[in-house]
Amino acid sequence: MKASVIIEKDEEGYYAFCPEMKGCHSQGDSLDEVLANIKEAIELYLETLSIDERIGCLSQEILTTAVEVSVA
């Protein structure tokens, strides 16, 4: 199954979180590192849940898009 991951970059590196799983966050110095770290965090998080809870987390529909905004 797949989980949604949001990744942000700042001057200190990368930060990732999974919106379906409250508190499931990670960070890394590179994109590859943060992806590996958030995958591990998600897998560890899922180990704490029952099968039904796992299915509930992973079957949520998360939509992302971009919108144009004007900058004054």
N, C-alpha and C. Protein backbone atom coordinates (compact mmCIF):
# COMPACT_ATOMS: atom_id res chain seq x y z
N MET A 1 0.85 -1.18 0.00
CA MET A 1 0.00 0.00 0.00
C MET A 1 0.89 1.24 0.00
N LYS A 2 0.29 2.38 -0.30
CA LYS A 2 1.03 3.62 -0.35
C LYS A 2 0.50 4.59 0.69
N ALA A 3 1.40 5.43 1.17
CA ALA A 3 1.05 6.49 2.12
C ALA A 3 1.46 7.82 1.51
N SER A 4 0.69 8.85 1.79
CA SER A 4 1.04 10.19 1.32
C SER A 4 2.16 10.77 2.18
N VAL A 5 3.07 11.48 1.55
CA VAL A 5 4.18 12.11 2.27
C VAL A 5 4.32 13.54 1.75
N ILE A 6 4.43 14.47 2.67
CA ILE A 6 4.68 15.87 2.33
C ILE A 6 6.13 16.16 2.72
N ILE A 7 6.89 16.75 1.78
CA ILE A 7 8.30 17.05 2.04
C ILE A 7 8.52 18.55 1.85
N GLU A 8 9.18 19.15 2.82
CA GLU A 8 9.52 20.56 2.76
C GLU A 8 11.04 20.69 2.87
N LYS A 9 11.59 21.68 2.18
CA LYS A 9 13.03 21.92 2.24
C LYS A 9 13.26 23.30 2.84
N ASP A 10 14.23 23.40 3.74
CA ASP A 10 14.64 24.69 4.25
C ASP A 10 16.16 24.73 4.32
N GLU A 11 16.71 25.75 4.94
CA GLU A 11 18.17 25.91 4.97
C GLU A 11 18.88 24.82 5.77
N GLU A 12 18.17 24.08 6.58
CA GLU A 12 18.78 23.04 7.40
C GLU A 12 18.63 21.64 6.82
N GLY A 13 17.88 21.48 5.73
CA GLY A 13 17.69 20.17 5.12
C GLY A 13 16.25 19.94 4.75
N TYR A 14 15.82 18.70 4.87
CA TYR A 14 14.48 18.30 4.46
C TYR A 14 13.67 17.81 5.67
N TYR A 15 12.38 18.07 5.62
CA TYR A 15 11.45 17.68 6.66
C TYR A 15 10.28 16.98 5.98
N ALA A 16 9.86 15.84 6.50
CA ALA A 16 8.76 15.08 5.88
C ALA A 16 7.75 14.66 6.94
N PHE A 17 6.49 14.58 6.51
CA PHE A 17 5.47 14.04 7.40
C PHE A 17 4.40 13.33 6.57
N CYS A 18 3.69 12.46 7.24
CA CYS A 18 2.63 11.68 6.62
C CYS A 18 1.30 12.17 7.19
N PRO A 19 0.47 12.86 6.38
CA PRO A 19 -0.77 13.43 6.91
C PRO A 19 -1.77 12.40 7.42
N GLU A 20 -1.71 11.18 6.95
CA GLU A 20 -2.65 10.15 7.43
C GLU A 20 -2.32 9.66 8.83
N MET A 21 -1.10 9.91 9.27
CA MET A 21 -0.63 9.34 10.54
C MET A 21 -0.12 10.45 11.45
N LYS A 22 -0.98 10.90 12.36
CA LYS A 22 -0.61 12.00 13.26
C LYS A 22 0.67 11.68 14.01
N GLY A 23 1.60 12.62 13.97
CA GLY A 23 2.86 12.47 14.68
C GLY A 23 3.93 11.72 13.92
N CYS A 24 3.65 11.32 12.70
CA CYS A 24 4.63 10.57 11.90
C CYS A 24 5.43 11.56 11.06
N HIS A 25 6.59 11.95 11.58
CA HIS A 25 7.45 12.97 10.97
C HIS A 25 8.88 12.44 10.91
N SER A 26 9.69 13.03 10.04
CA SER A 26 11.11 12.71 10.00
C SER A 26 11.85 13.85 9.30
N GLN A 27 13.16 13.73 9.28
CA GLN A 27 13.98 14.74 8.62
C GLN A 27 15.21 14.09 8.03
N GLY A 28 15.93 14.83 7.21
CA GLY A 28 17.15 14.32 6.59
C GLY A 28 17.92 15.44 5.93
N ASP A 29 19.19 15.20 5.69
CA ASP A 29 20.05 16.20 5.04
C ASP A 29 19.86 16.24 3.54
N SER A 30 19.36 15.15 2.95
CA SER A 30 19.13 15.09 1.50
C SER A 30 17.74 14.52 1.25
N LEU A 31 17.30 14.65 0.01
CA LEU A 31 16.00 14.10 -0.36
C LEU A 31 15.97 12.58 -0.18
N ASP A 32 17.03 11.91 -0.61
CA ASP A 32 17.10 10.45 -0.44
C ASP A 32 17.05 10.06 1.03
N GLU A 33 17.75 10.81 1.86
CA GLU A 33 17.78 10.49 3.29
C GLU A 33 16.42 10.70 3.94
N VAL A 34 15.75 11.81 3.63
CA VAL A 34 14.45 12.05 4.24
C VAL A 34 13.42 11.03 3.77
N LEU A 35 13.50 10.62 2.51
CA LEU A 35 12.57 9.59 2.02
C LEU A 35 12.79 8.26 2.73
N ALA A 36 14.04 7.87 2.92
CA ALA A 36 14.33 6.63 3.64
C ALA A 36 13.86 6.74 5.09
N ASN A 37 14.09 7.89 5.70
CA ASN A 37 13.71 8.08 7.11
C ASN A 37 12.20 8.09 7.31
N ILE A 38 11.45 8.75 6.42
CA ILE A 38 10.00 8.79 6.58
C ILE A 38 9.39 7.42 6.28
N LYS A 39 9.97 6.68 5.35
CA LYS A 39 9.49 5.33 5.09
C LYS A 39 9.65 4.46 6.34
N GLU A 40 10.81 4.56 6.97
CA GLU A 40 11.04 3.80 8.21
C GLU A 40 10.07 4.25 9.31
N ALA A 41 9.85 5.56 9.44
CA ALA A 41 8.93 6.08 10.45
C ALA A 41 7.51 5.56 10.22
N ILE A 42 7.07 5.54 8.97
CA ILE A 42 5.74 5.03 8.64
C ILE A 42 5.63 3.55 8.97
N GLU A 43 6.63 2.78 8.60
CA GLU A 43 6.59 1.34 8.88
C GLU A 43 6.55 1.07 10.38
N LEU A 44 7.33 1.82 11.16
CA LEU A 44 7.32 1.65 12.61
C LEU A 44 5.98 2.07 13.20
N TYR A 45 5.41 3.15 12.68
CA TYR A 45 4.10 3.62 13.13
C TYR A 45 3.05 2.54 12.87
N LEU A 46 3.07 1.97 11.67
CA LEU A 46 2.07 0.96 11.32
C LEU A 46 2.17 -0.29 12.20
N GLU A 47 3.37 -0.60 12.67
CA GLU A 47 3.54 -1.76 13.55
C GLU A 47 2.77 -1.61 14.85
N THR A 48 2.47 -0.37 15.24
CA THR A 48 1.76 -0.13 16.51
C THR A 48 0.24 -0.24 16.35
N LEU A 49 -0.24 -0.41 15.12
CA LEU A 49 -1.68 -0.42 14.85
C LEU A 49 -2.20 -1.82 14.57
N SER A 50 -3.49 -2.01 14.79
CA SER A 50 -4.14 -3.26 14.39
C SER A 50 -4.28 -3.27 12.87
N ILE A 51 -4.61 -4.42 12.32
CA ILE A 51 -4.80 -4.53 10.87
C ILE A 51 -5.88 -3.56 10.39
N ASP A 52 -7.00 -3.49 11.10
CA ASP A 52 -8.08 -2.59 10.70
C ASP A 52 -7.63 -1.13 10.74
N GLU A 53 -6.87 -0.75 11.77
CA GLU A 53 -6.37 0.61 11.86
C GLU A 53 -5.38 0.92 10.73
N ARG A 54 -4.56 -0.06 10.38
CA ARG A 54 -3.62 0.12 9.27
C ARG A 54 -4.37 0.39 7.96
N ILE A 55 -5.38 -0.42 7.70
CA ILE A 55 -6.16 -0.26 6.48
C ILE A 55 -6.85 1.10 6.48
N GLY A 56 -7.37 1.52 7.63
CA GLY A 56 -8.02 2.82 7.73
C GLY A 56 -7.07 3.97 7.42
N CYS A 57 -5.85 3.89 7.94
CA CYS A 57 -4.85 4.94 7.69
C CYS A 57 -4.47 4.99 6.22
N LEU A 58 -4.25 3.83 5.64
CA LEU A 58 -3.72 3.78 4.28
C LEU A 58 -4.79 3.89 3.20
N SER A 59 -6.07 3.91 3.58
CA SER A 59 -7.11 4.03 2.56
C SER A 59 -7.72 5.43 2.52
N GLN A 60 -7.16 6.37 3.29
CA GLN A 60 -7.64 7.74 3.23
C GLN A 60 -7.22 8.37 1.90
N GLU A 61 -8.07 9.23 1.39
CA GLU A 61 -7.76 9.91 0.15
C GLU A 61 -7.19 11.29 0.47
N ILE A 62 -5.94 11.50 0.12
CA ILE A 62 -5.27 12.78 0.32
C ILE A 62 -5.02 13.39 -1.06
N LEU A 63 -5.54 14.58 -1.27
CA LEU A 63 -5.36 15.25 -2.57
C LEU A 63 -4.45 16.45 -2.38
N THR A 64 -3.54 16.64 -3.32
CA THR A 64 -2.68 17.82 -3.31
C THR A 64 -2.78 18.50 -4.66
N THR A 65 -2.62 19.80 -4.64
CA THR A 65 -2.65 20.56 -5.87
C THR A 65 -1.89 21.87 -5.63
N ALA A 66 -1.75 22.64 -6.66
CA ALA A 66 -1.14 23.96 -6.54
C ALA A 66 -2.14 24.99 -7.04
N VAL A 67 -2.13 26.15 -6.44
CA VAL A 67 -2.98 27.24 -6.88
C VAL A 67 -2.13 28.46 -7.14
N GLU A 68 -2.56 29.26 -8.09
CA GLU A 68 -1.86 30.51 -8.37
C GLU A 68 -2.35 31.57 -7.40
N VAL A 69 -1.42 32.34 -6.87
CA VAL A 69 -1.76 33.45 -5.98
C VAL A 69 -1.07 34.70 -6.48
N SER A 70 -1.68 35.83 -6.24
CA SER A 70 -1.04 37.07 -6.64
C SER A 70 -0.20 37.61 -5.49
N VAL A 71 0.93 38.17 -5.83
CA VAL A 71 1.81 38.75 -4.84
C VAL A 71 1.82 40.26 -5.07
N ALA A 72 1.36 40.98 -4.10
CA ALA A 72 1.27 42.44 -4.25
C ALA A 72 2.62 43.10 -4.06
